[in-house]
Amino acid sequence: MSDIHLQLAIKEESGHIFKRSIRKLLESTFILRDRDEKLYAFLSRESNRQDVSEYLRMIGFDLLVDDKTGVCMLVASEEDEETVGLKRANVVTFTTLQYHLLLVLWKIYLENVGYSEGNFVTKGDLIDKIKSFGVMPVRTELNTAFRLFKKYSLINYAEDEDGEDMKIELYPSLQFGWDIPQFQTVAREYLKEEEKEESEEETVEKDPMEEMPVDFEEEEV
């Protein structure tokens, strides 16, 4: 393994925002243009991006900036993808309910894109949407999921609000919140459910009389 060398020249006036950006990435994985405009502007600048990437690669990470969606994200460094203990260091394993909720949130986000300033859904509409997929969320589990998604900058909401009218803002980072193996598992569950429903719809209970032969002649008297 080669020696690790780090040579950065961060200007004094940029030192504070450099530290804030690094800590924010390590804490929440994503930094969004619409939510943290100053941090995003700093990270998306090419020279700063290179410095941050060089620093992060020291600990097995890298910086990826998607200018189209306005998302900066912490990712595993390609150099350390196969290194034991680092590959999944910034991957959160969601519960099945949380993953179902994540899929529903992304579906709603796509449906709302371009219709208005920001992308919002009310808590009541979200719960109805979840139930339409056959998932019955428990209040405590739902609140736990909301807090987790907010921590990782996937959604945002006012914590002092509650009830069905509570507005939840959906962020484009939702599309990057997938753990592929877990996504495949949940997708297979959905496919099984759809196949089961289609099979049940196609199965029609038959009249026992239909099983009797109809090709006969009456006996002449």
C-alpha atoms as a PDB file:
ATOM      1  CA  MET A   1       0.000   0.000   0.000  1.00  0.00           C
ATOM      2  CA  SER A   2       1.424   3.400  -0.976  1.00  0.00           C
ATOM      3  CA  ASP A   3       2.108   6.152   1.516  1.00  0.00           C
ATOM      4  CA  ILE A   4      -0.573   8.789   2.030  1.00  0.00           C
ATOM      5  CA  HIS A   5       0.362  12.369   1.225  1.00  0.00           C
ATOM      6  CA  LEU A   6      -1.890  15.378   1.705  1.00  0.00           C
ATOM      7  CA  GLN A   7      -1.004  18.883   0.608  1.00  0.00           C
ATOM      8  CA  LEU A   8      -3.789  21.448   0.797  1.00  0.00           C
ATOM      9  CA  ALA A   9      -3.576  25.208   0.662  1.00  0.00           C
ATOM     10  CA  ILE A  10      -6.896  26.519   1.981  1.00  0.00           C
ATOM     11  CA  LYS A  11      -7.122  30.295   2.150  1.00  0.00           C
ATOM     12  CA  GLU A  12      -7.718  31.674   5.614  1.00  0.00           C
ATOM     13  CA  GLU A  13     -11.062  33.219   4.646  1.00  0.00           C
ATOM     14  CA  SER A  14     -12.211  29.843   3.287  1.00  0.00           C
ATOM     15  CA  GLY A  15     -11.083  27.781   6.261  1.00  0.00           C
ATOM     16  CA  HIS A  16     -14.342  28.044   8.187  1.00  0.00           C
ATOM     17  CA  ILE A  17     -16.638  27.101   5.306  1.00  0.00           C
ATOM     18  CA  PHE A  18     -14.256  24.279   4.343  1.00  0.00           C
ATOM     19  CA  LYS A  19     -14.642  22.768   7.823  1.00  0.00           C
ATOM     20  CA  ARG A  20     -18.423  23.293   7.807  1.00  0.00           C
ATOM     21  CA  SER A  21     -18.750  21.596   4.414  1.00  0.00           C
ATOM     22  CA  ILE A  22     -16.718  18.559   5.479  1.00  0.00           C
ATOM     23  CA  ARG A  23     -18.634  18.155   8.737  1.00  0.00           C
ATOM     24  CA  LYS A  24     -21.995  18.578   7.006  1.00  0.00           C
ATOM     25  CA  LEU A  25     -21.130  15.899   4.438  1.00  0.00           C
ATOM     26  CA  LEU A  26     -20.009  13.462   7.133  1.00  0.00           C
ATOM     27  CA  GLU A  27     -23.126  14.184   9.189  1.00  0.00           C
ATOM     28  CA  SER A  28     -25.852  14.081   6.534  1.00  0.00           C
ATOM     29  CA  THR A  29     -24.234  12.756   3.303  1.00  0.00           C
ATOM     30  CA  PHE A  30     -25.992  15.380   1.135  1.00  0.00           C
ATOM     31  CA  ILE A  31     -25.675  19.142   0.749  1.00  0.00           C
ATOM     32  CA  LEU A  32     -28.412  20.747  -1.362  1.00  0.00           C
ATOM     33  CA  ARG A  33     -28.269  23.927  -3.405  1.00  0.00           C
ATOM     34  CA  ASP A  34     -31.845  24.863  -2.402  1.00  0.00           C
ATOM     35  CA  ARG A  35     -31.220  24.297   1.294  1.00  0.00           C
ATOM     36  CA  ASP A  36     -27.538  25.193   1.933  1.00  0.00           C
ATOM     37  CA  GLU A  37     -26.804  27.598  -0.892  1.00  0.00           C
ATOM     38  CA  LYS A  38     -23.538  28.900   0.569  1.00  0.00           C
ATOM     39  CA  LEU A  39     -22.053  25.451   1.252  1.00  0.00           C
ATOM     40  CA  TYR A  40     -23.194  24.171  -2.137  1.00  0.00           C
ATOM     41  CA  ALA A  41     -21.655  27.147  -3.950  1.00  0.00           C
ATOM     42  CA  PHE A  42     -18.364  26.519  -2.162  1.00  0.00           C
ATOM     43  CA  LEU A  43     -18.263  22.784  -2.927  1.00  0.00           C
ATOM     44  CA  SER A  44     -19.403  23.094  -6.532  1.00  0.00           C
ATOM     45  CA  ARG A  45     -16.514  25.421  -7.384  1.00  0.00           C
ATOM     46  CA  GLU A  46     -13.960  23.267  -9.211  1.00  0.00           C
ATOM     47  CA  SER A  47     -10.891  24.248  -7.178  1.00  0.00           C
ATOM     48  CA  ASN A  48     -12.700  23.732  -3.873  1.00  0.00           C
ATOM     49  CA  ARG A  49     -14.158  20.464  -5.106  1.00  0.00           C
ATOM     50  CA  GLN A  50     -10.668  19.118  -5.782  1.00  0.00           C
ATOM     51  CA  ASP A  51      -9.397  20.166  -2.341  1.00  0.00           C
ATOM     52  CA  VAL A  52     -12.381  18.606  -0.558  1.00  0.00           C
ATOM     53  CA  SER A  53     -12.086  15.395  -2.594  1.00  0.00           C
ATOM     54  CA  GLU A  54      -8.390  15.143  -1.777  1.00  0.00           C
ATOM     55  CA  TYR A  55      -9.117  15.566   1.923  1.00  0.00           C
ATOM     56  CA  LEU A  56     -11.997  13.069   1.918  1.00  0.00           C
ATOM     57  CA  ARG A  57      -9.996  10.421   0.065  1.00  0.00           C
ATOM     58  CA  MET A  58      -7.709  10.288   3.082  1.00  0.00           C
ATOM     59  CA  ILE A  59     -10.554   8.608   4.966  1.00  0.00           C
ATOM     60  CA  GLY A  60     -11.970   6.543   2.104  1.00  0.00           C
ATOM     61  CA  PHE A  61     -14.566   8.968   0.758  1.00  0.00           C
ATOM     62  CA  ASP A  62     -14.969  11.312  -2.182  1.00  0.00           C
ATOM     63  CA  LEU A  63     -17.198  14.205  -3.239  1.00  0.00           C
ATOM     64  CA  LEU A  64     -19.690  13.965  -6.083  1.00  0.00           C
ATOM     65  CA  VAL A  65     -21.515  17.059  -7.352  1.00  0.00           C
ATOM     66  CA  ASP A  66     -24.607  16.775  -9.542  1.00  0.00           C
ATOM     67  CA  ASP A  67     -25.116  20.275 -10.936  1.00  0.00           C
ATOM     68  CA  LYS A  68     -28.323  19.297 -12.735  1.00  0.00           C
ATOM     69  CA  THR A  69     -30.182  18.464  -9.532  1.00  0.00           C
ATOM     70  CA  GLY A  70     -28.178  20.734  -7.244  1.00  0.00           C
ATOM     71  CA  VAL A  71     -26.903  17.974  -4.975  1.00  0.00           C
ATOM     72  CA  CYS A  72     -23.446  17.478  -3.444  1.00  0.00           C
ATOM     73  CA  MET A  73     -22.961  14.052  -1.909  1.00  0.00           C
ATOM     74  CA  LEU A  74     -20.489  11.990   0.024  1.00  0.00           C
ATOM     75  CA  VAL A  75     -19.589   8.743  -1.759  1.00  0.00           C
ATOM     76  CA  ALA A  76     -17.129   5.921  -1.229  1.00  0.00           C
ATOM     77  CA  SER A  77     -13.785   6.588  -2.888  1.00  0.00           C
ATOM     78  CA  GLU A  78     -13.160   4.382  -5.931  1.00  0.00           C
ATOM     79  CA  GLU A  79      -9.713   3.611  -4.544  1.00  0.00           C
ATOM     80  CA  ASP A  80     -11.265   2.107  -1.406  1.00  0.00           C
ATOM     81  CA  GLU A  81     -14.413   0.466  -2.817  1.00  0.00           C
ATOM     82  CA  GLU A  82     -13.099  -3.001  -1.973  1.00  0.00           C
ATOM     83  CA  THR A  83     -11.464  -2.057   1.317  1.00  0.00           C
ATOM     84  CA  VAL A  84     -13.062  -3.940   4.210  1.00  0.00           C
ATOM     85  CA  GLY A  85     -14.778  -1.624   6.690  1.00  0.00           C
ATOM     86  CA  LEU A  86     -14.918   1.364   4.349  1.00  0.00           C
ATOM     87  CA  LYS A  87     -17.118   0.255   1.469  1.00  0.00           C
ATOM     88  CA  ARG A  88     -20.416   0.703   3.344  1.00  0.00           C
ATOM     89  CA  ALA A  89     -19.278   3.246   5.907  1.00  0.00           C
ATOM     90  CA  ASN A  90     -21.766   5.923   4.795  1.00  0.00           C
ATOM     91  CA  VAL A  91     -24.644   3.589   3.886  1.00  0.00           C
ATOM     92  CA  VAL A  92     -27.687   3.551   6.165  1.00  0.00           C
ATOM     93  CA  THR A  93     -29.691   0.333   6.233  1.00  0.00           C
ATOM     94  CA  PHE A  94     -33.372   1.266   6.301  1.00  0.00           C
ATOM     95  CA  THR A  95     -36.127  -0.919   7.689  1.00  0.00           C
ATOM     96  CA  THR A  96     -38.541  -2.405   5.149  1.00  0.00           C
ATOM     97  CA  LEU A  97     -41.169   0.215   6.046  1.00  0.00           C
ATOM     98  CA  GLN A  98     -38.648   3.036   5.688  1.00  0.00           C
ATOM     99  CA  TYR A  99     -37.591   1.750   2.302  1.00  0.00           C
ATOM    100  CA  HIS A 100     -41.203   1.464   1.118  1.00  0.00           C
ATOM    101  CA  LEU A 101     -41.733   5.030   2.315  1.00  0.00           C
ATOM    102  CA  LEU A 102     -38.611   6.178   0.467  1.00  0.00           C
ATOM    103  CA  LEU A 103     -39.927   4.663  -2.762  1.00  0.00           C
ATOM    104  CA  VAL A 104     -43.306   6.361  -2.312  1.00  0.00           C
ATOM    105  CA  LEU A 105     -41.661   9.715  -1.573  1.00  0.00           C
ATOM    106  CA  TRP A 106     -39.591   9.473  -4.768  1.00  0.00           C
ATOM    107  CA  LYS A 107     -42.696   8.579  -6.789  1.00  0.00           C
ATOM    108  CA  ILE A 108     -44.512  11.628  -5.407  1.00  0.00           C
ATOM    109  CA  TYR A 109     -41.473  13.813  -6.089  1.00  0.00           C
ATOM    110  CA  LEU A 110     -41.469  12.779  -9.750  1.00  0.00           C
ATOM    111  CA  GLU A 111     -45.216  13.391 -10.043  1.00  0.00           C
ATOM    112  CA  ASN A 112     -44.827  16.928  -8.652  1.00  0.00           C
ATOM    113  CA  VAL A 113     -41.724  18.036 -10.577  1.00  0.00           C
ATOM    114  CA  GLY A 114     -42.277  21.281 -12.476  1.00  0.00           C
ATOM    115  CA  TYR A 115     -45.719  22.084 -11.111  1.00  0.00           C
ATOM    116  CA  SER A 116     -44.777  24.701  -8.517  1.00  0.00           C
ATOM    117  CA  GLU A 117     -41.988  26.330  -6.566  1.00  0.00           C
ATOM    118  CA  GLY A 118     -40.566  23.576  -4.392  1.00  0.00           C
ATOM    119  CA  ASN A 119     -41.877  20.037  -4.133  1.00  0.00           C
ATOM    120  CA  PHE A 120     -44.278  19.358  -1.281  1.00  0.00           C
ATOM    121  CA  VAL A 121     -46.723  16.752  -0.026  1.00  0.00           C
ATOM    122  CA  THR A 122     -48.979  16.872   3.028  1.00  0.00           C
ATOM    123  CA  LYS A 123     -48.607  14.199   5.667  1.00  0.00           C
ATOM    124  CA  GLY A 124     -52.203  13.077   5.126  1.00  0.00           C
ATOM    125  CA  ASP A 125     -51.779  12.653   1.357  1.00  0.00           C
ATOM    126  CA  LEU A 126     -48.527  10.779   1.918  1.00  0.00           C
ATOM    127  CA  ILE A 127     -50.162   8.345   4.340  1.00  0.00           C
ATOM    128  CA  ASP A 128     -53.005   7.727   1.874  1.00  0.00           C
ATOM    129  CA  LYS A 129     -50.444   7.050  -0.849  1.00  0.00           C
ATOM    130  CA  ILE A 130     -48.546   4.599   1.353  1.00  0.00           C
ATOM    131  CA  LYS A 131     -51.761   2.741   2.200  1.00  0.00           C
ATOM    132  CA  SER A 132     -52.618   2.468  -1.496  1.00  0.00           C
ATOM    133  CA  PHE A 133     -49.510   0.295  -1.840  1.00  0.00           C
ATOM    134  CA  GLY A 134     -50.738  -2.038   0.874  1.00  0.00           C
ATOM    135  CA  VAL A 135     -48.432  -0.688   3.597  1.00  0.00           C
ATOM    136  CA  MET A 136     -50.051   0.257   6.902  1.00  0.00           C
ATOM    137  CA  PRO A 137     -47.645   2.607   8.753  1.00  0.00           C
ATOM    138  CA  VAL A 138     -47.654   2.882  12.535  1.00  0.00           C
ATOM    139  CA  ARG A 139     -47.410   6.457  13.835  1.00  0.00           C
ATOM    140  CA  THR A 140     -44.187   5.879  15.801  1.00  0.00           C
ATOM    141  CA  GLU A 141     -42.512   4.124  12.862  1.00  0.00           C
ATOM    142  CA  LEU A 142     -43.569   6.898  10.513  1.00  0.00           C
ATOM    143  CA  ASN A 143     -42.190   9.617  12.784  1.00  0.00           C
ATOM    144  CA  THR A 144     -38.908   7.716  13.162  1.00  0.00           C
ATOM    145  CA  ALA A 145     -38.613   7.501   9.361  1.00  0.00           C
ATOM    146  CA  PHE A 146     -39.342  11.218   8.960  1.00  0.00           C
ATOM    147  CA  ARG A 147     -36.615  12.148  11.457  1.00  0.00           C
ATOM    148  CA  LEU A 148     -34.101   9.859   9.744  1.00  0.00           C
ATOM    149  CA  PHE A 149     -34.891  11.178   6.259  1.00  0.00           C
ATOM    150  CA  LYS A 150     -34.641  14.762   7.499  1.00  0.00           C
ATOM    151  CA  LYS A 151     -31.273  14.066   9.116  1.00  0.00           C
ATOM    152  CA  TYR A 152     -29.906  12.901   5.767  1.00  0.00           C
ATOM    153  CA  SER A 153     -31.408  15.839   3.840  1.00  0.00           C
ATOM    154  CA  LEU A 154     -33.904  13.733   1.887  1.00  0.00           C
ATOM    155  CA  ILE A 155     -36.924  15.677   3.147  1.00  0.00           C
ATOM    156  CA  ASN A 156     -37.658  18.671   5.354  1.00  0.00           C
ATOM    157  CA  TYR A 157     -40.559  19.709   7.580  1.00  0.00           C
ATOM    158  CA  ALA A 158     -41.289  21.940  10.555  1.00  0.00           C
ATOM    159  CA  GLU A 159     -40.913  19.834  13.695  1.00  0.00           C
ATOM    160  CA  ASP A 160     -43.401  21.989  15.593  1.00  0.00           C
ATOM    161  CA  GLU A 161     -46.131  21.029  13.124  1.00  0.00           C
ATOM    162  CA  ASP A 162     -48.142  17.826  13.138  1.00  0.00           C
ATOM    163  CA  GLY A 163     -51.372  16.402  11.809  1.00  0.00           C
ATOM    164  CA  GLU A 164     -52.496  15.542   8.303  1.00  0.00           C
ATOM    165  CA  ASP A 165     -51.938  19.081   6.993  1.00  0.00           C
ATOM    166  CA  MET A 166     -48.238  19.104   7.888  1.00  0.00           C
ATOM    167  CA  LYS A 167     -46.238  20.030   4.759  1.00  0.00           C
ATOM    168  CA  ILE A 168     -43.237  17.876   3.865  1.00  0.00           C
ATOM    169  CA  GLU A 169     -40.714  19.230   1.372  1.00  0.00           C
ATOM    170  CA  LEU A 170     -39.185  16.590  -0.901  1.00  0.00           C
ATOM    171  CA  TYR A 171     -35.594  17.001  -2.065  1.00  0.00           C
ATOM    172  CA  PRO A 172     -33.920  15.721  -5.260  1.00  0.00           C
ATOM    173  CA  SER A 173     -31.443  13.835  -3.057  1.00  0.00           C
ATOM    174  CA  LEU A 174     -34.186  11.187  -2.714  1.00  0.00           C
ATOM    175  CA  GLN A 175     -32.991   9.688  -6.001  1.00  0.00           C
ATOM    176  CA  PHE A 176     -29.516   9.107  -4.562  1.00  0.00           C
ATOM    177  CA  GLY A 177     -30.670   7.501  -1.305  1.00  0.00           C
ATOM    178  CA  TRP A 178     -30.745   3.952  -2.646  1.00  0.00           C
ATOM    179  CA  ASP A 179     -28.751   1.009  -1.440  1.00  0.00           C
ATOM    180  CA  ILE A 180     -28.946  -1.151  -4.596  1.00  0.00           C
ATOM    181  CA  PRO A 181     -29.128  -4.611  -2.909  1.00  0.00           C
ATOM    182  CA  GLN A 182     -31.903  -3.392  -0.604  1.00  0.00           C
ATOM    183  CA  PHE A 183     -33.682  -1.692  -3.504  1.00  0.00           C
ATOM    184  CA  GLN A 184     -33.680  -4.998  -5.420  1.00  0.00           C
ATOM    185  CA  THR A 185     -35.086  -6.842  -2.397  1.00  0.00           C
ATOM    186  CA  VAL A 186     -37.957  -4.382  -1.923  1.00  0.00           C
ATOM    187  CA  ALA A 187     -38.628  -4.270  -5.682  1.00  0.00           C
ATOM    188  CA  ARG A 188     -38.942  -8.062  -5.718  1.00  0.00           C
ATOM    189  CA  GLU A 189     -41.444  -7.823  -2.849  1.00  0.00           C
ATOM    190  CA  TYR A 190     -43.553  -5.365  -4.865  1.00  0.00           C
ATOM    191  CA  LEU A 191     -43.425  -7.605  -7.929  1.00  0.00           C
ATOM    192  CA  LYS A 192     -44.541 -10.612  -5.872  1.00  0.00           C
ATOM    193  CA  GLU A 193     -47.444  -8.622  -4.437  1.00  0.00           C
ATOM    194  CA  GLU A 194     -48.520  -7.461  -7.908  1.00  0.00           C
ATOM    195  CA  GLU A 195     -48.331 -11.015  -9.287  1.00  0.00           C
ATOM    196  CA  LYS A 196     -50.347 -12.282  -6.322  1.00  0.00           C
ATOM    197  CA  GLU A 197     -53.051  -9.628  -6.823  1.00  0.00           C
ATOM    198  CA  GLU A 198     -53.265 -10.348 -10.557  1.00  0.00           C
ATOM    199  CA  SER A 199     -53.525 -14.078  -9.879  1.00  0.00           C
ATOM    200  CA  GLU A 200     -56.331 -13.530  -7.368  1.00  0.00           C
ATOM    201  CA  GLU A 201     -58.221 -11.317  -9.833  1.00  0.00           C
ATOM    202  CA  GLU A 202     -57.948 -13.934 -12.569  1.00  0.00           C
ATOM    203  CA  THR A 203     -59.162 -16.757 -10.312  1.00  0.00           C
ATOM    204  CA  VAL A 204     -62.986 -17.015 -10.594  1.00  0.00           C
ATOM    205  CA  GLU A 205     -64.947 -19.350  -8.389  1.00  0.00           C
ATOM    206  CA  LYS A 206     -66.689 -21.859 -10.607  1.00  0.00           C
ATOM    207  CA  ASP A 207     -70.291 -23.069 -10.295  1.00  0.00           C
ATOM    208  CA  PRO A 208     -70.245 -26.816  -9.406  1.00  0.00           C
ATOM    209  CA  MET A 209     -72.967 -27.376 -12.007  1.00  0.00           C
ATOM    210  CA  GLU A 210     -70.543 -26.267 -14.698  1.00  0.00           C
ATOM    211  CA  GLU A 211     -68.478 -29.373 -13.997  1.00  0.00           C
ATOM    212  CA  MET A 212     -71.330 -31.700 -15.001  1.00  0.00           C
ATOM    213  CA  PRO A 213     -71.374 -33.049 -18.574  1.00  0.00           C
ATOM    214  CA  VAL A 214     -73.904 -31.317 -20.829  1.00  0.00           C
ATOM    215  CA  ASP A 215     -73.699 -33.639 -23.851  1.00  0.00           C
ATOM    216  CA  PHE A 216     -76.610 -36.028 -23.187  1.00  0.00           C
ATOM    217  CA  GLU A 217     -80.013 -37.035 -24.587  1.00  0.00           C
ATOM    218  CA  GLU A 218     -83.233 -37.350 -22.676  1.00  0.00           C
ATOM    219  CA  GLU A 219     -84.537 -40.889 -22.353  1.00  0.00           C
ATOM    220  CA  GLU A 220     -87.621 -41.465 -24.413  1.00  0.00           C
ATOM    221  CA  VAL A 221     -90.659 -42.810 -22.527  1.00  0.00           C
END
